[in-house]
Protein backbone atom coordinates (compact mmCIF):
# COMPACT_ATOMS: atom_id res chain seq x y z
CA MET A 1 -43.74 -34.39 54.23
CA SER A 2 -46.95 -36.36 54.35
CA ASN A 3 -47.99 -38.59 51.52
CA LYS A 4 -50.73 -36.10 50.61
CA PRO A 5 -50.23 -34.38 47.26
CA LEU A 6 -49.71 -30.63 47.36
CA MET A 7 -52.02 -28.39 45.37
CA ILE A 8 -49.59 -25.92 43.80
CA LEU A 9 -50.66 -22.68 42.12
CA ILE A 10 -48.39 -21.74 39.22
CA ALA A 11 -47.95 -17.95 39.25
CA GLY A 12 -46.25 -16.08 36.46
CA PRO A 13 -46.72 -13.16 34.10
CA TYR A 14 -49.99 -13.02 32.17
CA ARG A 15 -50.14 -9.50 30.72
CA SER A 16 -46.72 -8.23 31.81
CA GLY A 17 -44.48 -7.32 28.90
CA THR A 18 -47.14 -8.11 26.30
CA ASN A 19 -48.75 -4.74 25.51
CA ASP A 20 -51.90 -6.94 25.64
CA GLU A 21 -50.92 -8.65 22.37
CA PRO A 22 -52.75 -12.01 22.27
CA GLU A 23 -49.77 -13.98 20.94
CA LYS A 24 -47.52 -12.72 23.73
CA ILE A 25 -50.17 -13.39 26.37
CA GLN A 26 -50.56 -16.92 25.01
CA ALA A 27 -46.78 -17.37 25.24
CA ASN A 28 -46.93 -16.35 28.91
CA VAL A 29 -49.76 -18.83 29.54
CA HIS A 30 -47.81 -21.55 27.72
CA LEU A 31 -44.77 -20.86 29.91
CA MET A 32 -46.86 -21.27 33.08
CA GLU A 33 -48.58 -24.37 31.71
CA SER A 34 -45.21 -25.93 30.88
CA PHE A 35 -44.73 -26.45 34.64
CA ALA A 36 -48.05 -28.27 35.14
CA LEU A 37 -47.09 -31.72 33.87
CA PRO A 38 -43.74 -31.82 35.74
CA ILE A 39 -45.61 -30.87 38.95
CA PHE A 40 -48.11 -33.65 38.26
CA HIS A 41 -45.27 -36.11 37.64
CA LYS A 42 -43.83 -35.20 41.06
CA GLY A 43 -47.13 -36.44 42.51
CA HIS A 44 -48.86 -33.11 43.08
CA ILE A 45 -51.83 -31.17 41.69
CA PRO A 46 -50.95 -28.18 39.49
CA VAL A 47 -53.45 -25.34 39.15
CA MET A 48 -53.44 -21.96 37.47
CA GLY A 49 -55.67 -19.02 38.22
CA GLU A 50 -56.14 -18.54 34.47
CA TRP A 51 -57.80 -21.98 34.23
CA PHE A 52 -60.53 -20.71 36.55
CA ALA A 53 -60.59 -17.01 35.67
CA LEU A 54 -60.75 -16.99 31.89
CA PRO A 55 -64.01 -18.96 31.52
CA LEU A 56 -65.62 -16.81 34.23
CA VAL A 57 -64.35 -13.60 32.64
CA SER A 58 -65.96 -14.67 29.38
CA LEU A 59 -69.23 -15.59 31.10
CA ALA A 60 -69.21 -12.20 32.83
CA GLY A 61 -69.23 -10.51 29.44
CA SER A 62 -65.68 -9.18 29.35
CA LYS A 63 -64.92 -7.65 25.97
CA GLN A 64 -61.23 -6.91 26.51
CA ILE A 65 -58.43 -7.53 28.96
CA GLY A 66 -58.57 -5.03 31.78
CA ASP A 67 -62.24 -4.12 31.46
CA GLU A 68 -64.51 -4.10 34.51
CA ALA A 69 -65.64 -7.73 34.17
CA PHE A 70 -62.04 -8.89 33.69
CA ASN A 71 -60.75 -6.96 36.70
CA GLU A 72 -63.65 -8.11 38.88
CA ILE A 73 -62.64 -11.76 38.39
CA PHE A 74 -59.08 -12.26 37.16
CA HIS A 75 -56.95 -11.74 40.29
CA PRO A 76 -59.69 -12.28 42.88
CA ILE A 77 -60.39 -15.84 41.68
CA ALA A 78 -56.69 -16.69 41.94
CA GLU A 79 -56.56 -15.25 45.45
CA ARG A 80 -59.57 -17.38 46.43
CA LEU A 81 -57.97 -20.41 44.81
CA LEU A 82 -54.85 -19.86 46.90
CA GLU A 83 -56.96 -20.39 50.02
CA LYS A 84 -57.39 -24.00 48.83
CA CYS A 85 -53.75 -24.48 47.82
CA ASP A 86 -50.75 -25.74 49.77
CA ALA A 87 -48.07 -23.89 47.82
CA VAL A 88 -47.26 -21.51 45.00
CA LEU A 89 -44.61 -21.85 42.29
CA ARG A 90 -43.41 -18.46 41.01
CA VAL A 91 -42.18 -18.67 37.41
CA GLY A 92 -41.25 -16.30 34.60
CA GLY A 93 -40.26 -12.68 34.65
CA ALA A 94 -41.54 -9.49 36.21
CA SER A 95 -45.22 -9.52 37.09
CA SER A 96 -47.06 -7.53 39.73
CA GLY A 97 -49.94 -10.04 39.58
CA ALA A 98 -47.68 -13.05 40.13
CA ASP A 99 -45.89 -11.20 42.91
CA LEU A 100 -49.30 -10.51 44.47
CA MET A 101 -50.04 -14.25 44.37
CA VAL A 102 -46.75 -14.99 46.14
CA LYS A 103 -47.45 -12.33 48.77
CA THR A 104 -50.97 -13.67 49.29
CA ALA A 105 -49.68 -17.24 49.53
CA GLN A 106 -47.08 -16.24 52.10
CA SER A 107 -49.69 -14.38 54.14
CA LEU A 108 -51.70 -17.61 54.17
CA GLY A 109 -48.65 -19.55 55.39
CA LEU A 110 -48.25 -21.50 52.15
CA GLN A 111 -44.96 -22.84 50.86
CA THR A 112 -43.33 -20.81 48.10
CA PHE A 113 -41.23 -22.46 45.42
CA TYR A 114 -39.12 -20.67 42.81
CA SER A 115 -37.96 -23.73 40.87
CA LEU A 116 -39.28 -27.17 40.00
CA ASP A 117 -36.22 -28.56 41.77
CA ASP A 118 -37.47 -27.01 45.01
CA ILE A 119 -40.68 -29.07 44.87
CA PRO A 120 -40.26 -32.39 46.64
CA ALA A 121 -41.41 -35.55 44.90
CA ARG A 122 -44.29 -37.25 46.65
């Protein structure tokens, strides 16, 4: 591996299993974010689609999860972000959105990790 840090998208459930309850969604976000600092400590750059999507969704006038403005931005921004990434880390439970990110990453030829232990230290 080169000495260049990897940009790693953390992909996990956002809405899955939450019935769109804000507390449960926040717990899913917290789970994904809990991987960011360990990735950073391994010498890499952690990113999450939510970090990019949620401010844009708000600016687009979204009033609720799943409305037109939300759907226009939420997954598409993560897919665009993947084009700038080197790898994806799939975390958490069942999620069609996270699985879509893995599939997209693999179609782009990116590395796929399923555990922090799989990510090499820089």
